């Protein structure tokens, strides 16, 4: 099992196993938008589309977080629609 992998048995290899990533919450996306994406979204309020994205996800999947592999595509489309 990878979670208990013993790296010490290899001479010059160091490492650790990270916990599985959980889905991303709306507050995390809003913080990212506020801090890191602000240069791209300065003229437009990005928060209502983010809220709508998460509300639709919650209705469809009964979950308050979105897996990163699903979120990336959705955020990219959302930002492209706002910026351009």
N, C-alpha and C. Protein backbone atom coordinates (compact mmCIF):
# COMPACT_ATOMS: atom_id res chain seq x y z
N UNK A 1 0.84 -1.19 0.00
CA UNK A 1 0.00 0.00 0.00
C UNK A 1 0.88 1.24 0.00
N UNK A 2 0.59 2.17 -0.87
CA UNK A 2 1.43 3.35 -1.04
C UNK A 2 1.43 4.26 0.21
N UNK A 3 0.35 4.29 0.96
CA UNK A 3 0.28 5.18 2.13
C UNK A 3 1.31 4.83 3.19
N UNK A 4 1.81 3.61 3.19
CA UNK A 4 2.79 3.20 4.19
C UNK A 4 4.12 2.84 3.53
N UNK A 5 4.38 3.36 2.36
CA UNK A 5 5.60 3.03 1.64
C UNK A 5 6.82 3.44 2.45
N UNK A 6 7.81 2.55 2.53
CA UNK A 6 9.02 2.79 3.31
C UNK A 6 10.14 3.26 2.38
N UNK A 7 10.37 4.55 2.33
CA UNK A 7 11.41 5.11 1.47
C UNK A 7 12.81 4.81 2.00
N UNK A 8 12.95 4.47 3.26
CA UNK A 8 14.26 4.28 3.85
C UNK A 8 15.01 3.08 3.27
N UNK A 9 14.33 2.19 2.62
CA UNK A 9 15.01 1.02 2.05
C UNK A 9 15.78 1.35 0.77
N UNK A 10 15.64 2.58 0.26
CA UNK A 10 16.39 3.02 -0.91
C UNK A 10 17.52 3.93 -0.47
N UNK A 11 18.70 3.71 -1.01
CA UNK A 11 19.91 4.37 -0.57
C UNK A 11 19.84 5.90 -0.63
N UNK A 12 19.51 6.47 -1.78
CA UNK A 12 19.54 7.93 -1.91
C UNK A 12 18.18 8.51 -2.27
N UNK A 13 17.15 7.88 -1.89
CA UNK A 13 15.80 8.34 -2.20
C UNK A 13 15.10 8.79 -0.93
N UNK A 14 14.59 9.99 -0.98
CA UNK A 14 13.80 10.49 0.14
C UNK A 14 12.41 10.85 -0.37
N UNK A 15 11.44 10.72 0.47
CA UNK A 15 10.10 11.09 0.06
C UNK A 15 9.10 10.82 1.17
N UNK A 16 7.91 11.28 0.94
CA UNK A 16 6.81 10.99 1.85
C UNK A 16 5.53 10.95 1.04
N UNK A 17 4.57 10.24 1.54
CA UNK A 17 3.29 10.10 0.87
C UNK A 17 2.34 11.14 1.45
N UNK A 18 1.80 11.96 0.58
CA UNK A 18 0.86 12.99 1.01
C UNK A 18 -0.55 12.41 1.10
N UNK A 19 -1.38 12.99 1.94
CA UNK A 19 -2.77 12.51 1.99
C UNK A 19 -3.49 12.84 0.68
N UNK A 20 -4.49 12.06 0.38
CA UNK A 20 -5.27 12.29 -0.83
C UNK A 20 -5.90 13.68 -0.80
N UNK A 21 -5.85 14.38 -1.92
CA UNK A 21 -6.46 15.70 -1.99
C UNK A 21 -7.97 15.58 -1.91
N UNK A 22 -8.55 16.44 -1.15
CA UNK A 22 -10.00 16.51 -1.05
C UNK A 22 -10.49 17.51 -2.10
N UNK A 23 -11.78 17.57 -2.30
CA UNK A 23 -12.35 18.54 -3.22
C UNK A 23 -12.12 19.96 -2.72
N UNK A 24 -12.23 20.89 -3.64
CA UNK A 24 -11.99 22.30 -3.35
C UNK A 24 -13.30 22.97 -2.95
N UNK A 25 -13.27 23.73 -1.89
CA UNK A 25 -14.46 24.43 -1.39
C UNK A 25 -14.57 25.81 -2.03
N UNK A 26 -15.78 26.33 -2.02
CA UNK A 26 -16.06 27.64 -2.61
C UNK A 26 -15.22 28.74 -1.98
N UNK A 27 -15.05 28.72 -0.68
CA UNK A 27 -14.26 29.75 -0.01
C UNK A 27 -12.82 29.76 -0.51
N UNK A 28 -12.28 28.57 -0.80
CA UNK A 28 -10.92 28.49 -1.31
C UNK A 28 -10.82 29.11 -2.71
N UNK A 29 -11.81 28.87 -3.54
CA UNK A 29 -11.82 29.45 -4.89
C UNK A 29 -11.99 30.97 -4.80
N UNK A 30 -12.86 31.42 -3.92
CA UNK A 30 -13.05 32.86 -3.76
C UNK A 30 -11.78 33.53 -3.24
N UNK A 31 -11.09 32.90 -2.31
CA UNK A 31 -9.81 33.45 -1.83
C UNK A 31 -8.79 33.52 -2.96
N UNK A 32 -8.73 32.45 -3.77
CA UNK A 32 -7.82 32.44 -4.92
C UNK A 32 -8.18 33.58 -5.87
N UNK A 33 -9.45 33.76 -6.16
CA UNK A 33 -9.89 34.81 -7.08
C UNK A 33 -9.53 36.19 -6.53
N UNK A 34 -9.72 36.36 -5.24
CA UNK A 34 -9.44 37.64 -4.59
C UNK A 34 -7.94 37.95 -4.60
N UNK A 35 -7.12 36.95 -4.38
CA UNK A 35 -5.68 37.18 -4.21
C UNK A 35 -4.88 36.97 -5.50
N UNK A 36 -5.09 35.85 -6.18
CA UNK A 36 -4.23 35.49 -7.30
C UNK A 36 -4.80 35.85 -8.66
N UNK A 37 -6.09 35.85 -8.81
CA UNK A 37 -6.68 36.12 -10.12
C UNK A 37 -7.16 37.56 -10.23
N UNK A 38 -6.90 38.36 -9.23
CA UNK A 38 -7.41 39.73 -9.21
C UNK A 38 -6.93 40.55 -10.41
N UNK A 39 -5.71 40.32 -10.86
CA UNK A 39 -5.19 41.09 -12.00
C UNK A 39 -5.98 40.83 -13.28
N UNK A 40 -6.54 39.63 -13.39
CA UNK A 40 -7.28 39.28 -14.60
C UNK A 40 -8.76 39.61 -14.50
N UNK A 41 -9.27 39.74 -13.30
CA UNK A 41 -10.71 39.92 -13.10
C UNK A 41 -11.03 41.25 -12.42
N UNK A 42 -10.14 42.18 -12.49
CA UNK A 42 -10.29 43.44 -11.77
C UNK A 42 -11.57 44.19 -12.13
N UNK A 43 -11.92 44.22 -13.41
CA UNK A 43 -13.06 45.03 -13.84
C UNK A 43 -14.39 44.34 -13.65
N UNK A 44 -14.40 43.08 -13.38
CA UNK A 44 -15.64 42.31 -13.32
C UNK A 44 -15.74 41.58 -12.01
N UNK A 45 -16.93 41.51 -11.49
CA UNK A 45 -17.13 40.78 -10.25
C UNK A 45 -17.20 39.29 -10.55
N UNK A 46 -16.19 38.57 -10.15
CA UNK A 46 -16.08 37.14 -10.45
C UNK A 46 -16.84 36.28 -9.43
N UNK A 47 -17.25 36.87 -8.33
CA UNK A 47 -17.83 36.07 -7.26
C UNK A 47 -19.23 35.52 -7.55
N UNK A 48 -20.13 36.24 -8.19
CA UNK A 48 -21.42 35.62 -8.53
C UNK A 48 -21.29 34.38 -9.43
N UNK A 49 -20.44 34.41 -10.48
CA UNK A 49 -20.30 33.18 -11.27
C UNK A 49 -19.69 32.02 -10.47
N UNK A 50 -18.77 32.33 -9.56
CA UNK A 50 -18.21 31.26 -8.71
C UNK A 50 -19.29 30.69 -7.82
N UNK A 51 -20.10 31.56 -7.23
CA UNK A 51 -21.20 31.10 -6.38
C UNK A 51 -22.16 30.22 -7.18
N UNK A 52 -22.49 30.65 -8.38
CA UNK A 52 -23.40 29.87 -9.23
C UNK A 52 -22.79 28.51 -9.58
N UNK A 53 -21.51 28.49 -9.89
CA UNK A 53 -20.82 27.25 -10.19
C UNK A 53 -20.95 26.25 -9.05
N UNK A 54 -20.72 26.72 -7.83
CA UNK A 54 -20.79 25.82 -6.67
C UNK A 54 -22.23 25.44 -6.33
N UNK A 55 -23.16 26.37 -6.50
CA UNK A 55 -24.57 26.04 -6.24
C UNK A 55 -25.06 24.96 -7.20
N UNK A 56 -24.69 25.06 -8.47
CA UNK A 56 -25.09 24.05 -9.45
C UNK A 56 -24.45 22.70 -9.13
N UNK A 57 -23.19 22.72 -8.73
CA UNK A 57 -22.50 21.48 -8.35
C UNK A 57 -23.19 20.83 -7.15
N UNK A 58 -23.51 21.65 -6.14
CA UNK A 58 -24.16 21.12 -4.94
C UNK A 58 -25.52 20.50 -5.26
N UNK A 59 -26.28 21.14 -6.13
CA UNK A 59 -27.58 20.58 -6.53
C UNK A 59 -27.41 19.24 -7.23
N UNK A 60 -26.43 19.17 -8.12
CA UNK A 60 -26.25 17.96 -8.92
C UNK A 60 -25.61 16.81 -8.14
N UNK A 61 -24.63 17.13 -7.28
CA UNK A 61 -23.85 16.07 -6.64
C UNK A 61 -24.00 16.01 -5.12
N UNK A 62 -24.78 16.89 -4.53
CA UNK A 62 -24.99 16.93 -3.08
C UNK A 62 -23.65 16.97 -2.33
N UNK A 63 -22.74 17.79 -2.85
CA UNK A 63 -21.43 17.96 -2.23
C UNK A 63 -21.06 19.44 -2.25
N UNK A 64 -20.40 19.90 -1.20
CA UNK A 64 -20.03 21.32 -1.15
C UNK A 64 -18.60 21.58 -1.61
N UNK A 65 -17.98 20.58 -2.20
CA UNK A 65 -16.66 20.78 -2.79
C UNK A 65 -16.61 20.11 -4.16
N UNK A 66 -15.68 20.59 -4.99
CA UNK A 66 -15.55 20.09 -6.35
C UNK A 66 -14.16 19.50 -6.51
N UNK A 67 -14.04 18.27 -7.02
CA UNK A 67 -12.71 17.70 -7.25
C UNK A 67 -11.90 18.60 -8.20
N UNK A 68 -10.62 18.72 -7.92
CA UNK A 68 -9.76 19.62 -8.70
C UNK A 68 -9.83 19.34 -10.19
N UNK A 69 -9.84 18.07 -10.59
CA UNK A 69 -9.86 17.78 -12.02
C UNK A 69 -11.15 18.25 -12.69
N UNK A 70 -12.23 18.37 -11.94
CA UNK A 70 -13.48 18.91 -12.47
C UNK A 70 -13.48 20.44 -12.40
N UNK A 71 -12.92 20.97 -11.36
CA UNK A 71 -12.94 22.41 -11.13
C UNK A 71 -12.09 23.18 -12.15
N UNK A 72 -10.96 22.64 -12.52
CA UNK A 72 -10.04 23.34 -13.42
C UNK A 72 -10.75 23.73 -14.71
N UNK A 73 -11.40 22.79 -15.36
CA UNK A 73 -12.08 23.09 -16.63
C UNK A 73 -13.18 24.12 -16.43
N UNK A 74 -13.94 23.97 -15.39
CA UNK A 74 -15.06 24.89 -15.15
C UNK A 74 -14.56 26.31 -14.85
N UNK A 75 -13.51 26.42 -14.04
CA UNK A 75 -12.97 27.74 -13.73
C UNK A 75 -12.35 28.39 -14.95
N UNK A 76 -11.69 27.61 -15.76
CA UNK A 76 -11.09 28.16 -16.97
C UNK A 76 -12.16 28.75 -17.88
N UNK A 77 -13.24 28.02 -18.09
CA UNK A 77 -14.33 28.53 -18.93
C UNK A 77 -14.96 29.77 -18.30
N UNK A 78 -15.16 29.74 -16.99
CA UNK A 78 -15.76 30.86 -16.29
C UNK A 78 -14.89 32.11 -16.47
N UNK A 79 -13.59 31.98 -16.24
CA UNK A 79 -12.70 33.13 -16.36
C UNK A 79 -12.58 33.62 -17.78
N UNK A 80 -12.56 32.71 -18.75
CA UNK A 80 -12.49 33.14 -20.15
C UNK A 80 -13.72 33.94 -20.54
N UNK A 81 -14.88 33.55 -20.03
CA UNK A 81 -16.11 34.29 -20.32
C UNK A 81 -16.11 35.65 -19.67
N UNK A 82 -15.47 35.79 -18.54
CA UNK A 82 -15.44 37.08 -17.84
C UNK A 82 -14.40 38.01 -18.44
N UNK A 83 -13.22 37.47 -18.72
CA UNK A 83 -12.11 38.30 -19.19
C UNK A 83 -12.31 38.76 -20.63
N UNK A 84 -12.86 37.88 -21.47
CA UNK A 84 -12.96 38.22 -22.89
C UNK A 84 -14.35 38.59 -23.25
